[in-house]
PDB file of all heavy atoms in Angstrom:
ATOM      1  N   GLY A   1     -31.801  99.441 279.574  1.00  0.00           N
ATOM      2  CA  GLY A   1     -32.499  99.163 278.322  1.00  0.00           C
ATOM      3  C   GLY A   1     -33.979  99.470 278.416  1.00  0.00           C
ATOM      4  O   GLY A   1     -34.570 100.028 277.472  1.00  0.00           O
ATOM      5  N   ARG A   2     -34.597  99.136 279.556  1.00  0.00           N
ATOM      6  CA  ARG A   2     -36.023  99.427 279.741  1.00  0.00           C
ATOM      7  C   ARG A   2     -36.278 100.932 279.788  1.00  0.00           C
ATOM      8  O   ARG A   2     -37.285 101.413 279.270  1.00  0.00           O
ATOM      9  CB  ARG A   2     -36.543  98.747 281.002  1.00  0.00           C
ATOM     10  CG  ARG A   2     -36.759  97.253 280.822  1.00  0.00           C
ATOM     11  CD  ARG A   2     -37.519  96.639 281.973  1.00  0.00           C
ATOM     12  NE  ARG A   2     -36.791  96.650 283.229  1.00  0.00           N
ATOM     13  CZ  ARG A   2     -35.923  95.725 283.597  1.00  0.00           C
ATOM     14  NH1 ARG A   2     -35.662  94.709 282.817  1.00  0.00           N
ATOM     15  NH2 ARG A   2     -35.314  95.814 284.760  1.00  0.00           N
ATOM     16  N   VAL A   3     -35.373 101.683 280.407  1.00  0.00           N
ATOM     17  CA  VAL A   3     -35.516 103.145 280.447  1.00  0.00           C
ATOM     18  C   VAL A   3     -35.439 103.708 279.033  1.00  0.00           C
ATOM     19  O   VAL A   3     -36.286 104.517 278.630  1.00  0.00           O
ATOM     20  CB  VAL A   3     -34.435 103.795 281.345  1.00  0.00           C
ATOM     21  CG1 VAL A   3     -34.424 105.306 281.168  1.00  0.00           C
ATOM     22  CG2 VAL A   3     -34.659 103.428 282.797  1.00  0.00           C
ATOM     23  N   MET A   4     -34.465 103.272 278.276  1.00  0.00           N
ATOM     24  CA  MET A   4     -34.295 103.783 276.913  1.00  0.00           C
ATOM     25  C   MET A   4     -35.506 103.439 276.050  1.00  0.00           C
ATOM     26  O   MET A   4     -36.005 104.294 275.302  1.00  0.00           O
ATOM     27  CB  MET A   4     -33.006 103.230 276.311  1.00  0.00           C
ATOM     28  CG  MET A   4     -31.758 103.779 276.993  1.00  0.00           C
ATOM     29  SD  MET A   4     -30.218 102.963 276.532  1.00  0.00           S
ATOM     30  CE  MET A   4     -30.237 103.059 274.774  1.00  0.00           C
ATOM     31  N   LEU A   5     -36.001 102.211 276.159  1.00  0.00           N
ATOM     32  CA  LEU A   5     -37.142 101.787 275.360  1.00  0.00           C
ATOM     33  C   LEU A   5     -38.405 102.559 275.741  1.00  0.00           C
ATOM     34  O   LEU A   5     -39.133 103.036 274.870  1.00  0.00           O
ATOM     35  CB  LEU A   5     -37.363 100.288 275.532  1.00  0.00           C
ATOM     36  CG  LEU A   5     -38.520  99.688 274.734  1.00  0.00           C
ATOM     37  CD1 LEU A   5     -38.256  99.839 273.244  1.00  0.00           C
ATOM     38  CD2 LEU A   5     -38.688  98.228 275.097  1.00  0.00           C
ATOM     39  N   ALA A   6     -38.650 102.708 277.030  1.00  0.00           N
ATOM     40  CA  ALA A   6     -39.840 103.432 277.480  1.00  0.00           C
ATOM     41  C   ALA A   6     -39.787 104.893 277.056  1.00  0.00           C
ATOM     42  O   ALA A   6     -40.795 105.458 276.629  1.00  0.00           O
ATOM     43  CB  ALA A   6     -39.992 103.321 278.995  1.00  0.00           C
ATOM     44  N   ALA A   7     -38.616 105.512 277.161  1.00  0.00           N
ATOM     45  CA  ALA A   7     -38.477 106.912 276.765  1.00  0.00           C
ATOM     46  C   ALA A   7     -38.684 107.065 275.259  1.00  0.00           C
ATOM     47  O   ALA A   7     -39.324 108.021 274.807  1.00  0.00           O
ATOM     48  CB  ALA A   7     -37.111 107.448 277.185  1.00  0.00           C
ATOM     49  N   ARG A   8     -38.172 106.128 274.499  1.00  0.00           N
ATOM     50  CA  ARG A   8     -38.313 106.186 273.048  1.00  0.00           C
ATOM     51  C   ARG A   8     -39.773 105.985 272.628  1.00  0.00           C
ATOM     52  O   ARG A   8     -40.276 106.681 271.761  1.00  0.00           O
ATOM     53  CB  ARG A   8     -37.426 105.118 272.407  1.00  0.00           C
ATOM     54  CG  ARG A   8     -37.036 105.435 270.994  1.00  0.00           C
ATOM     55  CD  ARG A   8     -36.014 104.437 270.433  1.00  0.00           C
ATOM     56  NE  ARG A   8     -34.935 104.137 271.349  1.00  0.00           N
ATOM     57  CZ  ARG A   8     -34.513 102.913 271.643  1.00  0.00           C
ATOM     58  NH1 ARG A   8     -35.051 101.853 271.084  1.00  0.00           N
ATOM     59  NH2 ARG A   8     -33.527 102.724 272.492  1.00  0.00           N
ATOM     60  N   ARG A   9     -40.442 105.032 273.256  1.00  0.00           N
ATOM     61  CA  ARG A   9     -41.820 104.706 272.863  1.00  0.00           C
ATOM     62  C   ARG A   9     -42.855 105.690 273.393  1.00  0.00           C
ATOM     63  O   ARG A   9     -43.821 106.009 272.717  1.00  0.00           O
ATOM     64  CB  ARG A   9     -42.199 103.317 273.378  1.00  0.00           C
ATOM     65  CG  ARG A   9     -41.636 102.219 272.571  1.00  0.00           C
ATOM     66  CD  ARG A   9     -42.234 100.904 273.010  1.00  0.00           C
ATOM     67  NE  ARG A   9     -41.684  99.813 272.215  1.00  0.00           N
ATOM     68  CZ  ARG A   9     -41.864  98.554 272.498  1.00  0.00           C
ATOM     69  NH1 ARG A   9     -42.595  98.202 273.532  1.00  0.00           N
ATOM     70  NH2 ARG A   9     -41.336  97.630 271.734  1.00  0.00           N
ATOM     71  N   HIS A  10     -42.691 106.134 274.641  1.00  0.00           N
ATOM     72  CA  HIS A  10     -43.742 106.895 275.303  1.00  0.00           C
ATOM     73  C   HIS A  10     -43.346 108.330 275.657  1.00  0.00           C
ATOM     74  O   HIS A  10     -44.187 109.075 276.159  1.00  0.00           O
ATOM     75  CB  HIS A  10     -44.163 106.175 276.588  1.00  0.00           C
ATOM     76  CG  HIS A  10     -44.580 104.762 276.364  1.00  0.00           C
ATOM     77  ND1 HIS A  10     -45.777 104.415 275.788  1.00  0.00           N
ATOM     78  CD2 HIS A  10     -43.943 103.591 276.626  1.00  0.00           C
ATOM     79  CE1 HIS A  10     -45.882 103.104 275.708  1.00  0.00           C
ATOM     80  NE2 HIS A  10     -44.769 102.574 276.217  1.00  0.00           N
ATOM     81  N   GLY A  11     -42.102 108.690 275.465  1.00  0.00           N
ATOM     82  CA  GLY A  11     -41.631 110.025 275.843  1.00  0.00           C
ATOM     83  C   GLY A  11     -40.882 109.977 277.160  1.00  0.00           C
ATOM     84  O   GLY A  11     -41.159 109.134 278.017  1.00  0.00           O
ATOM     85  N   ASP A  12     -39.963 110.895 277.311  1.00  0.00           N
ATOM     86  CA  ASP A  12     -39.069 110.877 278.475  1.00  0.00           C
ATOM     87  C   ASP A  12     -39.795 111.122 279.793  1.00  0.00           C
ATOM     88  O   ASP A  12     -39.374 110.652 280.839  1.00  0.00           O
ATOM     89  CB  ASP A  12     -37.959 111.911 278.278  1.00  0.00           C
ATOM     90  CG  ASP A  12     -36.792 111.685 279.195  1.00  0.00           C
ATOM     91  OD1 ASP A  12     -36.445 110.504 279.434  1.00  0.00           O
ATOM     92  OD2 ASP A  12     -36.229 112.675 279.697  1.00  0.00           O
ATOM     93  N   ASP A  13     -40.892 111.876 279.766  1.00  0.00           N
ATOM     94  CA  ASP A  13     -41.611 112.203 281.001  1.00  0.00           C
ATOM     95  C   ASP A  13     -42.876 111.370 281.187  1.00  0.00           C
ATOM     96  O   ASP A  13     -43.701 111.684 282.041  1.00  0.00           O
ATOM     97  CB  ASP A  13     -41.967 113.693 281.026  1.00  0.00           C
ATOM     98  CG  ASP A  13     -40.738 114.573 281.150  1.00  0.00           C
ATOM     99  OD1 ASP A  13     -39.764 114.126 281.770  1.00  0.00           O
ATOM    100  OD2 ASP A  13     -40.755 115.694 280.631  1.00  0.00           O
ATOM    101  N   SER A  14     -43.032 110.319 280.406  1.00  0.00           N
ATOM    102  CA  SER A  14     -44.226 109.482 280.513  1.00  0.00           C
ATOM    103  C   SER A  14     -44.188 108.649 281.793  1.00  0.00           C
ATOM    104  O   SER A  14     -43.135 108.463 282.406  1.00  0.00           O
ATOM    105  CB  SER A  14     -44.325 108.554 279.310  1.00  0.00           C
ATOM    106  OG  SER A  14     -43.282 107.596 279.350  1.00  0.00           O
ATOM    107  N   ALA A  15     -45.349 108.150 282.177  1.00  0.00           N
ATOM    108  CA  ALA A  15     -45.425 107.299 283.373  1.00  0.00           C
ATOM    109  C   ALA A  15     -44.567 106.049 283.205  1.00  0.00           C
ATOM    110  O   ALA A  15     -43.918 105.602 284.158  1.00  0.00           O
ATOM    111  CB  ALA A  15     -46.877 106.917 283.644  1.00  0.00           C
ATOM    112  N   GLN A  16     -44.540 105.490 281.996  1.00  0.00           N
ATOM    113  CA  GLN A  16     -43.756 104.280 281.744  1.00  0.00           C
ATOM    114  C   GLN A  16     -42.257 104.558 281.903  1.00  0.00           C
ATOM    115  O   GLN A  16     -41.532 103.762 282.492  1.00  0.00           O
ATOM    116  CB  GLN A  16     -44.036 103.736 280.340  1.00  0.00           C
ATOM    117  CG  GLN A  16     -45.431 103.218 280.164  1.00  0.00           C
ATOM    118  CD  GLN A  16     -46.415 104.306 279.740  1.00  0.00           C
ATOM    119  OE1 GLN A  16     -46.126 105.493 279.792  1.00  0.00           O
ATOM    120  NE2 GLN A  16     -47.594 103.885 279.316  1.00  0.00           N
ATOM    121  N   ALA A  17     -41.806 105.690 281.367  1.00  0.00           N
ATOM    122  CA  ALA A  17     -40.390 106.037 281.476  1.00  0.00           C
ATOM    123  C   ALA A  17     -40.005 106.342 282.920  1.00  0.00           C
ATOM    124  O   ALA A  17     -38.931 105.937 283.384  1.00  0.00           O
ATOM    125  CB  ALA A  17     -40.058 107.228 280.577  1.00  0.00           C
ATOM    126  N   LEU A  18     -40.885 107.044 283.627  1.00  0.00           N
ATOM    127  CA  LEU A  18     -40.594 107.354 285.031  1.00  0.00           C
ATOM    128  C   LEU A  18     -40.547 106.082 285.878  1.00  0.00           C
ATOM    129  O   LEU A  18     -39.698 105.954 286.758  1.00  0.00           O
ATOM    130  CB  LEU A  18     -41.624 108.334 285.582  1.00  0.00           C
ATOM    131  CG  LEU A  18     -41.603 109.723 284.942  1.00  0.00           C
ATOM    132  CD1 LEU A  18     -42.740 110.572 285.482  1.00  0.00           C
ATOM    133  CD2 LEU A  18     -40.276 110.407 285.142  1.00  0.00           C
ATOM    134  N   ALA A  19     -41.436 105.134 285.601  1.00  0.00           N
ATOM    135  CA  ALA A  19     -41.407 103.863 286.326  1.00  0.00           C
ATOM    136  C   ALA A  19     -40.128 103.094 286.018  1.00  0.00           C
ATOM    137  O   ALA A  19     -39.518 102.495 286.912  1.00  0.00           O
ATOM    138  CB  ALA A  19     -42.629 103.025 285.966  1.00  0.00           C
ATOM    139  N   ALA A  20     -39.697 103.114 284.758  1.00  0.00           N
ATOM    140  CA  ALA A  20     -38.455 102.436 284.376  1.00  0.00           C
ATOM    141  C   ALA A  20     -37.252 103.088 285.049  1.00  0.00           C
ATOM    142  O   ALA A  20     -36.327 102.404 285.485  1.00  0.00           O
ATOM    143  CB  ALA A  20     -38.300 102.440 282.857  1.00  0.00           C
ATOM    144  N   LYS A  21     -37.267 104.416 285.151  1.00  0.00           N
ATOM    145  CA  LYS A  21     -36.170 105.121 285.827  1.00  0.00           C
ATOM    146  C   LYS A  21     -36.128 104.768 287.309  1.00  0.00           C
ATOM    147  O   LYS A  21     -35.044 104.592 287.884  1.00  0.00           O
ATOM    148  CB  LYS A  21     -36.325 106.633 285.646  1.00  0.00           C
ATOM    149  CG  LYS A  21     -36.054 107.099 284.234  1.00  0.00           C
ATOM    150  CD  LYS A  21     -36.351 108.579 284.092  1.00  0.00           C
ATOM    151  CE  LYS A  21     -36.213 109.020 282.653  1.00  0.00           C
ATOM    152  NZ  LYS A  21     -36.548 110.443 282.483  1.00  0.00           N
ATOM    153  N   GLN A  22     -37.301 104.647 287.932  1.00  0.00           N
ATOM    154  CA  GLN A  22     -37.353 104.263 289.343  1.00  0.00           C
ATOM    155  C   GLN A  22     -36.806 102.855 289.523  1.00  0.00           C
ATOM    156  O   GLN A  22     -36.072 102.576 290.475  1.00  0.00           O
ATOM    157  CB  GLN A  22     -38.782 104.356 289.880  1.00  0.00           C
ATOM    158  CG  GLN A  22     -38.902 103.995 291.332  1.00  0.00           C
ATOM    159  CD  GLN A  22     -38.130 104.929 292.255  1.00  0.00           C
ATOM    160  OE1 GLN A  22     -37.916 106.098 291.942  1.00  0.00           O
ATOM    161  NE2 GLN A  22     -37.680 104.413 293.374  1.00  0.00           N
ATOM    162  N   HIS A  23     -37.154 101.954 288.617  1.00  0.00           N
ATOM    163  CA  HIS A  23     -36.640 100.583 288.679  1.00  0.00           C
ATOM    164  C   HIS A  23     -35.107 100.588 288.553  1.00  0.00           C
ATOM    165  O   HIS A  23     -34.425  99.840 289.257  1.00  0.00           O
ATOM    166  CB  HIS A  23     -37.268  99.731 287.570  1.00  0.00           C
ATOM    167  CG  HIS A  23     -36.821  98.317 287.600  1.00  0.00           C
ATOM    168  ND1 HIS A  23     -37.327  97.396 288.500  1.00  0.00           N
ATOM    169  CD2 HIS A  23     -35.898  97.662 286.874  1.00  0.00           C
ATOM    170  CE1 HIS A  23     -36.729  96.243 288.306  1.00  0.00           C
ATOM    171  NE2 HIS A  23     -35.864  96.369 287.329  1.00  0.00           N
ATOM    172  N   LEU A  24     -34.579 101.427 287.683  1.00  0.00           N
ATOM    173  CA  LEU A  24     -33.125 101.540 287.529  1.00  0.00           C
ATOM    174  C   LEU A  24     -32.485 102.031 288.820  1.00  0.00           C
ATOM    175  O   LEU A  24     -31.477 101.490 289.261  1.00  0.00           O
ATOM    176  CB  LEU A  24     -32.778 102.473 286.361  1.00  0.00           C
ATOM    177  CG  LEU A  24     -31.309 102.800 286.170  1.00  0.00           C
ATOM    178  CD1 LEU A  24     -30.489 101.546 285.912  1.00  0.00           C
ATOM    179  CD2 LEU A  24     -31.130 103.793 285.033  1.00  0.00           C
ATOM    180  N   ARG A  25     -33.088 103.050 289.438  1.00  0.00           N
ATOM    181  CA  ARG A  25     -32.536 103.554 290.713  1.00  0.00           C
ATOM    182  C   ARG A  25     -32.528 102.460 291.771  1.00  0.00           C
ATOM    183  O   ARG A  25     -31.565 102.325 292.524  1.00  0.00           O
ATOM    184  CB  ARG A  25     -33.347 104.762 291.195  1.00  0.00           C
ATOM    185  CG  ARG A  25     -33.041 106.038 290.445  1.00  0.00           C
ATOM    186  CD  ARG A  25     -33.670 107.244 291.112  1.00  0.00           C
ATOM    187  NE  ARG A  25     -35.109 107.295 290.931  1.00  0.00           N
ATOM    188  CZ  ARG A  25     -35.733 107.836 289.899  1.00  0.00           C
ATOM    189  NH1 ARG A  25     -35.032 108.385 288.929  1.00  0.00           N
ATOM    190  NH2 ARG A  25     -37.051 107.843 289.838  1.00  0.00           N
ATOM    191  N   CYS A  26     -33.591 101.669 291.832  1.00  0.00           N
ATOM    192  CA  CYS A  26     -33.658 100.567 292.806  1.00  0.00           C
ATOM    193  C   CYS A  26     -32.591  99.521 292.520  1.00  0.00           C
ATOM    194  O   CYS A  26     -31.966  98.995 293.451  1.00  0.00           O
ATOM    195  CB  CYS A  26     -35.037  99.933 292.788  1.00  0.00           C
ATOM    196  SG  CYS A  26     -36.314 101.005 293.460  1.00  0.00           S
ATOM    197  N   ALA A  27     -32.367  99.214 291.248  1.00  0.00           N
ATOM    198  CA  ALA A  27     -31.347  98.225 290.884  1.00  0.00           C
ATOM    199  C   ALA A  27     -29.954  98.715 291.270  1.00  0.00           C
ATOM    200  O   ALA A  27     -29.136  97.949 291.780  1.00  0.00           O
ATOM    201  CB  ALA A  27     -31.416  97.922 289.387  1.00  0.00           C
ATOM    202  N   VAL A  28     -29.691  99.996 291.052  1.00  0.00           N
ATOM    203  CA  VAL A  28     -28.383 100.561 291.407  1.00  0.00           C
ATOM    204  C   VAL A  28     -28.213 100.586 292.927  1.00  0.00           C
ATOM    205  O   VAL A  28     -27.142 100.249 293.442  1.00  0.00           O
ATOM    206  CB  VAL A  28     -28.216 101.974 290.805  1.00  0.00           C
ATOM    207  CG1 VAL A  28     -26.996 102.679 291.365  1.00  0.00           C
ATOM    208  CG2 VAL A  28     -28.126 101.891 289.288  1.00  0.00           C
ATOM    209  N   LEU A  29     -29.270 100.948 293.637  1.00  0.00           N
ATOM    210  CA  LEU A  29     -29.199 100.965 295.097  1.00  0.00           C
ATOM    211  C   LEU A  29     -28.921  99.568 295.640  1.00  0.00           C
ATOM    212  O   LEU A  29     -28.069  99.394 296.521  1.00  0.00           O
ATOM    213  CB  LEU A  29     -30.493 101.519 295.685  1.00  0.00           C
ATOM    214  CG  LEU A  29     -30.560 101.587 297.205  1.00  0.00           C
ATOM    215  CD1 LEU A  29     -29.483 102.506 297.756  1.00  0.00           C
ATOM    216  CD2 LEU A  29     -31.930 102.045 297.644  1.00  0.00           C
ATOM    217  N   ALA A  30     -29.603  98.568 295.106  1.00  0.00           N
ATOM    218  CA  ALA A  30     -29.372  97.187 295.550  1.00  0.00           C
ATOM    219  C   ALA A  30     -27.932  96.762 295.268  1.00  0.00           C
ATOM    220  O   ALA A  30     -27.291  96.124 296.111  1.00  0.00           O
ATOM    221  CB  ALA A  30     -30.350  96.248 294.857  1.00  0.00           C
ATOM    222  N   ARG A  31     -27.405  97.132 294.104  1.00  0.00           N
ATOM    223  CA  ARG A  31     -26.013  96.801 293.771  1.00  0.00           C
ATOM    224  C   ARG A  31     -25.054  97.455 294.760  1.00  0.00           C
ATOM    225  O   ARG A  31     -24.117  96.829 295.255  1.00  0.00           O
ATOM    226  CB  ARG A  31     -25.696  97.267 292.344  1.00  0.00           C
ATOM    227  CG  ARG A  31     -24.264  96.949 291.935  1.00  0.00           C
ATOM    228  CD  ARG A  31     -23.717  97.859 290.872  1.00  0.00           C
ATOM    229  NE  ARG A  31     -23.759  99.243 291.313  1.00  0.00           N
ATOM    230  CZ  ARG A  31     -23.627 100.274 290.488  1.00  0.00           C
ATOM    231  NH1 ARG A  31     -23.489 100.081 289.203  1.00  0.00           N
ATOM    232  NH2 ARG A  31     -23.662 101.497 290.943  1.00  0.00           N
ATOM    233  N   ASP A  32     -25.313  98.725 295.083  1.00  0.00           N
ATOM    234  CA  ASP A  32     -24.429  99.448 296.005  1.00  0.00           C
ATOM    235  C   ASP A  32     -24.499  98.876 297.423  1.00  0.00           C
ATOM    236  O   ASP A  32     -23.481  98.791 298.114  1.00  0.00           O
ATOM    237  CB  ASP A  32     -24.770 100.931 296.016  1.00  0.00           C
ATOM    238  CG  ASP A  32     -24.410 101.618 294.709  1.00  0.00           C
ATOM    239  OD1 ASP A  32     -23.666 101.021 293.893  1.00  0.00           O
ATOM    240  OD2 ASP A  32     -24.879 102.755 294.495  1.00  0.00           O
ATOM    241  N   ILE A  33     -25.693  98.481 297.851  1.00  0.00           N
ATOM    242  CA  ILE A  33     -25.832  97.878 299.184  1.00  0.00           C
ATOM    243  C   ILE A  33     -25.085  96.557 299.239  1.00  0.00           C
ATOM    244  O   ILE A  33     -24.360  96.283 300.205  1.00  0.00           O
ATOM    245  CB  ILE A  33     -27.317  97.704 299.554  1.00  0.00           C
ATOM    246  CG1 ILE A  33     -27.962  99.069 299.802  1.00  0.00           C
ATOM    247  CG2 ILE A  33     -27.471  96.810 300.778  1.00  0.00           C
ATOM    248  CD1 ILE A  33     -29.468  99.027 299.948  1.00  0.00           C
ATOM    249  N   ARG A  34     -25.246  95.725 298.193  1.00  0.00           N
ATOM    250  CA  ARG A  34     -24.521  94.445 298.157  1.00  0.00           C
ATOM    251  C   ARG A  34     -23.013  94.673 298.209  1.00  0.00           C
ATOM    252  O   ARG A  34     -22.294  93.968 298.927  1.00  0.00           O
ATOM    253  CB  ARG A  34     -24.880  93.665 296.890  1.00  0.00           C
ATOM    254  CG  ARG A  34     -26.150  92.880 296.982  1.00  0.00           C
ATOM    255  CD  ARG A  34     -26.297  91.884 295.841  1.00  0.00           C
ATOM    256  NE  ARG A  34     -26.210  92.495 294.528  1.00  0.00           N
ATOM    257  CZ  ARG A  34     -27.254  93.018 293.869  1.00  0.00           C
ATOM    258  NH1 ARG A  34     -28.451  92.998 294.403  1.00  0.00           N
ATOM    259  NH2 ARG A  34     -27.085  93.545 292.679  1.00  0.00           N
ATOM    260  N   ALA A  35     -22.524  95.651 297.457  1.00  0.00           N
ATOM    261  CA  ALA A  35     -21.089  95.936 297.439  1.00  0.00           C
ATOM    262  C   ALA A  35     -20.612  96.403 298.813  1.00  0.00           C
ATOM    263  O   ALA A  35     -19.542  95.994 299.280  1.00  0.00           O
ATOM    264  CB  ALA A  35     -20.771  96.983 296.374  1.00  0.00           C
ATOM    265  N   SER A  36     -21.402  97.251 299.459  1.00  0.00           N
ATOM    266  CA  SER A  36     -21.026  97.748 300.785  1.00  0.00           C
ATOM    267  C   SER A  36     -21.009  96.628 301.815  1.00  0.00           C
ATOM    268  O   SER A  36     -20.120  96.564 302.659  1.00  0.00           O
ATOM    269  CB  SER A  36     -21.998  98.840 301.235  1.00  0.00           C
ATOM    270  OG  SER A  36     -21.913  99.956 300.391  1.00  0.00           O
ATOM    271  N   LEU A  37     -21.997  95.742 301.741  1.00  0.00           N
ATOM    272  CA  LEU A  37     -22.032  94.617 302.671  1.00  0.00           C
ATOM    273  C   LEU A  37     -20.853  93.679 302.456  1.00  0.00           C
ATOM    274  O   LEU A  37     -20.212  93.237 303.408  1.00  0.00           O
ATOM    275  CB  LEU A  37     -23.347  93.851 302.537  1.00  0.00           C
ATOM    276  CG  LEU A  37     -24.576  94.533 303.108  1.00  0.00           C
ATOM    277  CD1 LEU A  37     -25.834  93.790 302.688  1.00  0.00           C
ATOM    278  CD2 LEU A  37     -24.480  94.638 304.609  1.00  0.00           C
ATOM    279  N   SER A  38     -20.559  93.369 301.199  1.00  0.00           N
ATOM    280  CA  SER A  38     -19.461  92.429 300.931  1.00  0.00           C
ATOM    281  C   SER A  38     -18.107  93.036 301.269  1.00  0.00           C
ATOM    282  O   SER A  38     -17.182  92.310 301.621  1.00  0.00           O
ATOM    283  CB  SER A  38     -19.502  91.963 299.475  1.00  0.00           C
ATOM    284  OG  SER A  38     -19.200  93.037 298.617  1.00  0.00           O
ATOM    285  N   ALA A  39     -17.984  94.358 301.196  1.00  0.00           N
ATOM    286  CA  ALA A  39     -16.727  95.011 301.542  1.00  0.00           C
ATOM    287  C   ALA A  39     -16.611  95.280 303.036  1.00  0.00           C
ATOM    288  O   ALA A  39     -15.575  95.751 303.507  1.00  0.00           O
ATOM    289  CB  ALA A  39     -16.594  96.331 300.763  1.00  0.00           C
ATOM    290  N   GLY A  40     -17.682  94.998 303.784  1.00  0.00           N
ATOM    291  CA  GLY A  40     -17.641  95.227 305.225  1.00  0.00           C
ATOM    292  C   GLY A  40     -17.710  96.684 305.615  1.00  0.00           C
ATOM    293  O   GLY A  40     -17.241  97.069 306.675  1.00  0.00           O
ATOM    294  N   LEU A  41     -18.320  97.507 304.771  1.00  0.00           N
ATOM    295  CA  LEU A  41     -18.372  98.944 305.032  1.00  0.00           C
ATOM    296  C   LEU A  41     -19.521  99.352 305.949  1.00  0.00           C
ATOM    297  O   LEU A  41     -19.550 100.475 306.427  1.00  0.00           O
ATOM    298  CB  LEU A  41     -18.486  99.710 303.713  1.00  0.00           C
ATOM    299  CG  LEU A  41     -17.317  99.530 302.741  1.00  0.00           C
ATOM    300  CD1 LEU A  41     -17.604 100.241 301.438  1.00  0.00           C
ATOM    301  CD2 LEU A  41     -16.026 100.028 303.360  1.00  0.00           C
ATOM    302  N   LEU A  42     -20.461  98.438 306.169  1.00  0.00           N
ATOM    303  CA  LEU A  42     -21.606  98.765 307.009  1.00  0.00           C
ATOM    304  C   LEU A  42     -21.446  98.128 308.387  1.00  0.00           C
ATOM    305  O   LEU A  42     -21.195  96.943 308.509  1.00  0.00           O
ATOM    306  CB  LEU A  42     -22.904  98.262 306.361  1.00  0.00           C
ATOM    307  CG  LEU A  42     -23.239  98.844 304.995  1.00  0.00           C
ATOM    308  CD1 LEU A  42     -24.515  98.226 304.462  1.00  0.00           C
ATOM    309  CD2 LEU A  42     -23.366 100.346 305.069  1.00  0.00           C
TER     310      LEU A  42
END
């Protein structure tokens, strides 16, 4: 939602949108690490 809002308000290549995209990547990475740890894959 933050990525979509930032892109809509400031443009897709704006600093705000890029920061929101980075935050999304971090959130997905954290989710994947948690899943890997709980599944015993690491």
